[in-house]
Amino acid sequence: MTPISFQLNWEPNGFQAPYFLARERGFYEEEGIEVRFVEGHGSPFAAEEAARGRADFALAGASAVLSVQSRGHEPLAVAALTQKTPAAVYTLRDVFGEPLEDPTQLAGRTVAPSATKTRILAAQLLSDAGIREEVDLLDVDPHTHHRVEHQLLDGSVDAAVGVVTNGTELEREHGRQADELPIGEYLPIYGMTLVTNPDFAESNPEVVRGFLLATARGWAEATANPEAAIDALVARNATLERDREIERIKFETAAEKLQFTEHVARKGWGNHDAARWERLGETLAETDLLEGEIDPRAVWTNEHLDNEAPAIAEYADRIGR
């Protein structure tokens, strides 16, 4: 067995359920791999850990991959996990005054982002809708610790920017109707990716290939049986039992709204789309998030995907799409 470390972007949650299910079902073991999960501190941290070779694999957002590249590192995304960004604008109906169904409704409103990257994506969303100058998009408050829910709850802002299911969590916790506007439905850019180090990939091609194949099987199995996926997640972190329902919603949202696109149907699980990387690079280049030059073409590869394996090539059929 080859031991590998898998740096997560955050502490275990519903979005990560497929990886825990893949391990529980023995998919990694069948590929001769023993996975050790490492809890994380955000996508930039995870991407840098992989780029520096301090983790064999990492779970990180595509924007973080490019940000880390701009700092002179060489992260390599070997699979595109969610084809759409998980970022979302969300609000409470009693605060917003009407259902939030279209970006143009944010004109004349105050919007609070939870993090720099979500603010960037929100700004692009508003620009594309032609209303950027009509929206008071607040700066990220470093004292909120990435939580802007309290501003929305007390009505000091009209909407917030976070990730899909943030509104659902508020609704369940406070009994107030929420609405969410998924940014990924409007901006064709990537969400989460699997990242490694180019040297590791070159030296361990079979490990990378096996890791991706086992992970693809985990995604298909989790999509077919979400409850089993959440069971595997709770087995890792028993405290999530009390939030089982919201963790299931998180995974199902990722599986149904973020993970699958027509590109996946044509090319298979994990396959990168160059146009999405280029669009993301263009979006980030217009911000101050990057510290240097980037080359979106250099941060991803499809080389290690086994396109003959049914779990990858026939992924759409396996999840009934």
Protein backbone atom coordinates (compact mmCIF):
# COMPACT_ATOMS: atom_id res chain seq x y z
CA MET A 1 0.00 0.00 0.00
CA THR A 2 1.21 3.50 -0.84
CA PRO A 3 0.39 6.02 1.91
CA ILE A 4 -0.66 9.46 0.68
CA SER A 5 -1.82 12.62 2.41
CA PHE A 6 -4.96 14.37 1.21
CA GLN A 7 -5.14 17.98 2.36
CA LEU A 8 -8.76 19.11 2.61
CA ASN A 9 -9.74 22.72 2.09
CA TRP A 10 -11.62 22.83 5.38
CA GLU A 11 -12.85 20.61 8.19
CA PRO A 12 -15.01 17.67 7.04
CA ASN A 13 -18.45 18.67 5.72
CA GLY A 14 -21.08 17.52 3.26
CA PHE A 15 -19.24 18.90 0.24
CA GLN A 16 -16.45 16.39 0.99
CA ALA A 17 -18.63 13.32 1.54
CA PRO A 18 -17.58 11.47 -1.67
CA TYR A 19 -13.96 11.15 -0.53
CA PHE A 20 -14.86 9.65 2.81
CA LEU A 21 -17.25 7.24 1.12
CA ALA A 22 -14.55 6.24 -1.37
CA ARG A 23 -12.26 5.33 1.51
CA GLU A 24 -14.98 3.52 3.45
CA ARG A 25 -15.94 1.44 0.40
CA GLY A 26 -12.30 0.48 -0.14
CA PHE A 27 -11.93 2.20 -3.50
CA TYR A 28 -8.57 3.76 -2.62
CA GLU A 29 -7.37 0.50 -1.13
CA GLU A 30 -8.21 -1.33 -4.35
CA GLU A 31 -5.82 1.04 -6.11
CA GLY A 32 -3.09 0.25 -3.60
CA ILE A 33 -3.46 3.60 -1.82
CA GLU A 34 -3.86 4.37 1.88
CA VAL A 35 -5.37 7.85 2.27
CA ARG A 36 -4.77 10.08 5.27
CA PHE A 37 -7.15 13.04 5.39
CA VAL A 38 -5.81 16.32 6.77
CA GLU A 39 -8.23 19.04 7.84
CA GLY A 40 -7.59 22.40 6.24
CA HIS A 41 -7.66 26.16 6.62
CA GLY A 42 -9.12 27.23 3.28
CA SER A 43 -8.38 26.60 -0.38
CA PRO A 44 -5.29 28.85 -0.67
CA PHE A 45 -3.64 26.97 2.19
CA ALA A 46 -4.55 23.60 0.66
CA ALA A 47 -3.33 24.54 -2.82
CA GLU A 48 -0.04 25.83 -1.47
CA GLU A 49 0.51 22.70 0.64
CA ALA A 50 0.23 20.60 -2.50
CA ALA A 51 2.31 22.98 -4.63
CA ARG A 52 5.11 22.93 -2.05
CA GLY A 53 4.99 19.14 -1.82
CA ARG A 54 3.88 19.17 1.81
CA ALA A 55 0.73 17.26 0.83
CA ASP A 56 0.45 14.68 -1.91
CA PHE A 57 -3.03 15.84 -2.94
CA ALA A 58 -5.21 18.75 -1.98
CA LEU A 59 -8.81 19.85 -2.39
CA ALA A 60 -8.81 23.49 -3.49
CA GLY A 61 -10.85 26.01 -5.41
CA ALA A 62 -9.63 26.88 -8.90
CA SER A 63 -9.23 30.56 -8.02
CA ALA A 64 -6.92 29.57 -5.16
CA VAL A 65 -4.87 27.46 -7.56
CA LEU A 66 -4.26 30.48 -9.79
CA SER A 67 -3.60 32.70 -6.77
CA VAL A 68 -0.93 30.29 -5.53
CA GLN A 69 0.59 30.16 -9.00
CA SER A 70 0.81 33.96 -8.98
CA ARG A 71 3.04 33.67 -5.89
CA GLY A 72 5.61 31.67 -7.82
CA HIS A 73 4.49 28.12 -6.95
CA GLU A 74 3.46 25.33 -9.31
CA PRO A 75 0.17 23.76 -8.25
CA LEU A 76 -1.17 21.22 -10.73
CA ALA A 77 -4.91 20.52 -10.89
CA VAL A 78 -5.31 16.91 -12.02
CA ALA A 79 -9.12 16.77 -11.89
CA ALA A 80 -11.94 19.29 -12.03
CA LEU A 81 -14.39 18.27 -9.34
CA THR A 82 -17.14 20.86 -9.53
CA GLN A 83 -17.48 22.47 -12.91
CA LYS A 84 -19.22 25.51 -11.40
CA THR A 85 -18.16 27.78 -8.57
CA PRO A 86 -20.03 27.17 -5.29
CA ALA A 87 -20.24 30.93 -4.64
CA ALA A 88 -23.73 32.32 -4.18
CA VAL A 89 -25.58 35.49 -3.23
CA TYR A 90 -28.16 34.77 -0.57
CA THR A 91 -30.72 36.72 1.41
CA LEU A 92 -33.73 36.47 3.69
CA ARG A 93 -37.13 37.16 2.19
CA ASP A 94 -38.20 39.42 5.08
CA VAL A 95 -35.04 41.50 4.57
CA PHE A 96 -34.97 41.62 0.78
CA GLY A 97 -38.70 42.11 0.40
CA GLU A 98 -39.14 39.81 -2.60
CA PRO A 99 -37.77 36.53 -3.97
CA LEU A 100 -34.19 36.92 -5.24
CA GLU A 101 -34.28 35.37 -8.71
CA ASP A 102 -32.03 37.52 -10.90
CA PRO A 103 -28.81 39.54 -10.41
CA THR A 104 -30.47 42.75 -11.64
CA GLN A 105 -32.61 42.77 -8.49
CA LEU A 106 -29.46 43.69 -6.54
CA ALA A 107 -29.40 47.18 -8.06
CA GLY A 108 -29.69 49.76 -5.30
CA ARG A 109 -28.89 47.18 -2.62
CA THR A 110 -26.08 46.66 -0.09
CA VAL A 111 -24.29 43.32 -0.35
CA ALA A 112 -21.76 41.92 2.15
CA PRO A 113 -19.20 39.32 0.91
CA SER A 114 -17.77 36.67 3.21
CA ALA A 115 -14.30 36.49 1.65
CA THR A 116 -12.11 38.18 -0.96
CA LYS A 117 -12.71 35.52 -3.60
CA THR A 118 -16.48 35.59 -3.22
CA ARG A 119 -16.36 39.37 -3.45
CA ILE A 120 -14.44 39.14 -6.73
CA LEU A 121 -16.97 36.74 -8.20
CA ALA A 122 -19.87 38.86 -7.00
CA ALA A 123 -18.32 41.94 -8.60
CA GLN A 124 -17.99 40.07 -11.90
CA LEU A 125 -21.60 38.91 -11.64
CA LEU A 126 -22.78 42.48 -11.11
CA SER A 127 -20.60 43.78 -13.94
CA ASP A 128 -21.95 41.20 -16.34
CA ALA A 129 -25.48 42.21 -15.31
CA GLY A 130 -24.63 45.86 -16.00
CA ILE A 131 -25.34 47.06 -12.46
CA ARG A 132 -21.92 47.07 -10.76
CA GLU A 133 -22.04 50.82 -10.08
CA GLU A 134 -25.55 50.57 -8.68
CA VAL A 135 -24.67 48.10 -5.92
CA ASP A 136 -22.91 48.85 -2.65
CA LEU A 137 -20.65 45.80 -2.57
CA LEU A 138 -18.92 46.09 0.78
CA ASP A 139 -15.28 45.31 1.42
CA VAL A 140 -14.53 42.12 3.32
CA ASP A 141 -14.60 42.79 7.05
CA PRO A 142 -11.60 41.00 8.61
CA HIS A 143 -13.42 40.90 11.96
CA THR A 144 -16.30 38.79 10.70
CA HIS A 145 -14.12 35.68 10.44
CA HIS A 146 -15.74 34.98 7.07
CA ARG A 147 -19.22 35.13 8.55
CA VAL A 148 -21.62 37.81 7.39
CA GLU A 149 -24.82 36.10 8.45
CA HIS A 150 -25.33 38.40 11.43
CA GLN A 151 -25.42 41.44 9.14
CA LEU A 152 -28.14 39.81 7.12
CA LEU A 153 -30.07 38.65 10.17
CA ASP A 154 -30.23 42.14 11.65
CA GLY A 155 -31.07 43.74 8.30
CA SER A 156 -27.96 45.93 8.09
CA VAL A 157 -27.31 44.53 4.60
CA ASP A 158 -29.73 43.40 1.93
CA ALA A 159 -27.82 40.29 0.86
CA ALA A 160 -24.63 38.37 1.54
CA VAL A 161 -22.14 36.45 -0.60
CA GLY A 162 -20.97 33.03 0.49
CA VAL A 163 -21.53 29.55 -0.90
CA VAL A 164 -24.60 27.59 -1.91
CA THR A 165 -26.58 26.30 1.09
CA ASN A 166 -25.60 29.28 3.31
CA GLY A 167 -29.14 30.59 2.87
CA THR A 168 -30.60 27.15 3.54
CA GLU A 169 -28.64 26.93 6.80
CA LEU A 170 -29.98 30.29 7.93
CA GLU A 171 -33.52 29.30 7.06
CA ARG A 172 -33.30 26.07 9.03
CA GLU A 173 -31.64 27.71 12.03
CA HIS A 174 -33.82 30.81 12.29
CA GLY A 175 -37.07 29.81 10.60
CA ARG A 176 -36.91 32.70 8.13
CA GLN A 177 -37.37 32.08 4.42
CA ALA A 178 -34.15 32.39 2.44
CA ASP A 179 -33.31 32.73 -1.25
CA GLU A 180 -30.05 31.88 -3.01
CA LEU A 181 -28.65 33.02 -6.35
CA PRO A 182 -25.89 30.59 -7.43
CA ILE A 183 -23.12 32.57 -9.14
CA GLY A 184 -22.07 29.46 -11.01
CA GLU A 185 -25.27 29.66 -13.04
CA TYR A 186 -24.05 32.97 -14.50
CA LEU A 187 -20.23 32.75 -14.55
CA PRO A 188 -18.75 29.76 -16.44
CA ILE A 189 -15.75 29.26 -14.17
CA TYR A 190 -14.49 26.40 -12.05
CA GLY A 191 -15.20 25.48 -8.47
CA MET A 192 -13.22 22.78 -6.67
CA THR A 193 -10.26 20.84 -8.06
CA LEU A 194 -7.88 18.09 -6.99
CA VAL A 195 -4.35 19.46 -6.83
CA THR A 196 -0.91 17.91 -6.60
CA ASN A 197 2.71 18.85 -7.23
CA PRO A 198 4.13 18.38 -10.77
CA ASP A 199 7.13 16.50 -9.41
CA PHE A 200 4.90 14.14 -7.43
CA ALA A 201 2.73 13.51 -10.48
CA GLU A 202 5.75 12.79 -12.67
CA SER A 203 7.31 10.43 -10.13
CA ASN A 204 4.07 8.67 -9.15
CA PRO A 205 1.84 8.53 -12.24
CA GLU A 206 0.11 5.29 -11.21
CA VAL A 207 -0.67 6.67 -7.75
CA VAL A 208 -2.21 9.79 -9.27
CA ARG A 209 -4.20 7.75 -11.77
CA GLY A 210 -5.42 5.36 -9.08
CA PHE A 211 -6.33 8.19 -6.71
CA LEU A 212 -8.43 9.87 -9.40
CA LEU A 213 -10.16 6.65 -10.41
CA ALA A 214 -11.07 5.81 -6.81
CA THR A 215 -12.32 9.35 -6.25
CA ALA A 216 -14.48 9.20 -9.38
CA ARG A 217 -16.04 5.99 -8.04
CA GLY A 218 -16.64 7.75 -4.73
CA TRP A 219 -18.48 10.60 -6.46
CA ALA A 220 -20.66 8.22 -8.46
CA GLU A 221 -21.44 6.10 -5.41
CA ALA A 222 -22.23 9.13 -3.27
CA THR A 223 -24.51 10.58 -5.94
CA ALA A 224 -26.41 7.30 -6.12
CA ASN A 225 -26.58 6.94 -2.34
CA PRO A 226 -26.27 10.28 -0.51
CA GLU A 227 -27.24 8.81 2.85
CA ALA A 228 -24.36 6.33 2.69
CA ALA A 229 -22.02 9.22 1.86
CA ILE A 230 -23.19 11.17 4.89
CA ASP A 231 -22.83 8.04 7.04
CA ALA A 232 -19.18 7.88 5.98
CA LEU A 233 -18.77 11.59 6.74
CA VAL A 234 -20.32 11.26 10.20
CA ALA A 235 -18.10 8.25 10.88
CA ARG A 236 -15.16 10.64 10.44
CA ASN A 237 -16.72 13.42 12.54
CA ALA A 238 -19.51 12.29 14.86
CA THR A 239 -20.41 15.88 15.79
CA LEU A 240 -21.94 16.27 12.31
CA GLU A 241 -24.74 13.86 13.23
CA ARG A 242 -26.77 16.76 14.61
CA ASP A 243 -26.40 18.55 11.26
CA ARG A 244 -26.90 15.45 9.12
CA GLU A 245 -29.72 16.97 7.06
CA ILE A 246 -27.86 20.13 6.11
CA GLU A 247 -24.70 18.14 5.32
CA ARG A 248 -26.74 15.95 2.99
CA ILE A 249 -28.18 19.07 1.34
CA LYS A 250 -24.65 20.41 0.85
CA PHE A 251 -23.54 17.29 -0.94
CA GLU A 252 -26.68 16.96 -3.05
CA THR A 253 -26.41 20.60 -4.07
CA ALA A 254 -22.82 20.03 -5.19
CA ALA A 255 -23.72 16.84 -7.03
CA GLU A 256 -26.85 18.14 -8.74
CA LYS A 257 -25.97 21.79 -9.42
CA LEU A 258 -22.18 22.17 -9.42
CA GLN A 259 -20.53 18.94 -10.44
CA PHE A 260 -22.21 17.98 -13.71
CA THR A 261 -22.18 19.86 -17.02
CA GLU A 262 -22.46 18.89 -20.68
CA HIS A 263 -18.67 18.92 -20.82
CA VAL A 264 -18.60 16.16 -18.20
CA ALA A 265 -21.22 14.24 -20.18
CA ARG A 266 -19.00 14.38 -23.27
CA LYS A 267 -15.54 14.04 -21.76
CA GLY A 268 -16.09 12.17 -18.49
CA TRP A 269 -15.57 12.78 -14.79
CA GLY A 270 -12.86 15.23 -13.75
CA ASN A 271 -12.03 16.40 -17.26
CA HIS A 272 -10.86 20.00 -17.47
CA ASP A 273 -12.35 22.54 -19.85
CA ALA A 274 -9.70 25.02 -21.02
CA ALA A 275 -12.26 27.76 -21.63
CA ARG A 276 -13.37 27.75 -17.98
CA TRP A 277 -9.80 28.14 -16.81
CA GLU A 278 -9.20 30.99 -19.25
CA ARG A 279 -12.36 32.78 -18.11
CA LEU A 280 -11.35 32.43 -14.47
CA GLY A 281 -7.88 33.77 -15.24
CA GLU A 282 -9.38 36.79 -17.00
CA THR A 283 -11.69 37.45 -14.06
CA LEU A 284 -8.89 37.29 -11.49
CA ALA A 285 -6.50 39.36 -13.61
CA GLU A 286 -8.78 42.35 -13.18
CA THR A 287 -8.44 42.23 -9.39
CA ASP A 288 -5.69 42.73 -6.82
CA LEU A 289 -5.90 39.14 -5.65
CA LEU A 290 -2.96 37.99 -7.75
CA GLU A 291 0.61 38.77 -6.74
CA GLY A 292 2.25 38.08 -10.08
CA GLU A 293 1.74 36.66 -13.54
CA ILE A 294 -0.47 33.63 -14.12
CA ASP A 295 -0.80 31.12 -16.91
CA PRO A 296 -4.12 29.26 -16.65
CA ARG A 297 -2.92 26.74 -19.23
CA ALA A 298 -0.10 25.58 -16.94
CA VAL A 299 -2.11 24.77 -13.81
CA TRP A 300 -4.18 21.86 -15.07
CA THR A 301 -3.85 18.60 -16.96
CA ASN A 302 -6.09 15.73 -18.08
CA GLU A 303 -3.08 13.46 -18.51
CA HIS A 304 -3.71 11.36 -15.41
CA LEU A 305 -7.39 10.63 -15.99
CA ASP A 306 -7.99 7.06 -17.14
CA ASN A 307 -10.43 7.83 -19.92
CA GLU A 308 -10.94 4.13 -20.60
CA ALA A 309 -12.18 3.41 -17.08
CA PRO A 310 -16.01 3.17 -16.87
CA ALA A 311 -16.08 5.22 -13.64
CA ILE A 312 -14.66 8.15 -15.62
CA ALA A 313 -15.74 7.63 -19.23
CA GLU A 314 -19.27 6.49 -18.34
CA TYR A 315 -19.75 8.79 -15.38
CA ALA A 316 -22.90 10.40 -16.78
CA ASP A 317 -24.56 7.01 -17.15
CA ARG A 318 -23.51 5.99 -13.66
CA ILE A 319 -25.26 8.96 -12.10
CA GLY A 320 -28.29 8.68 -14.37
CA ARG A 321 -27.67 11.80 -16.47
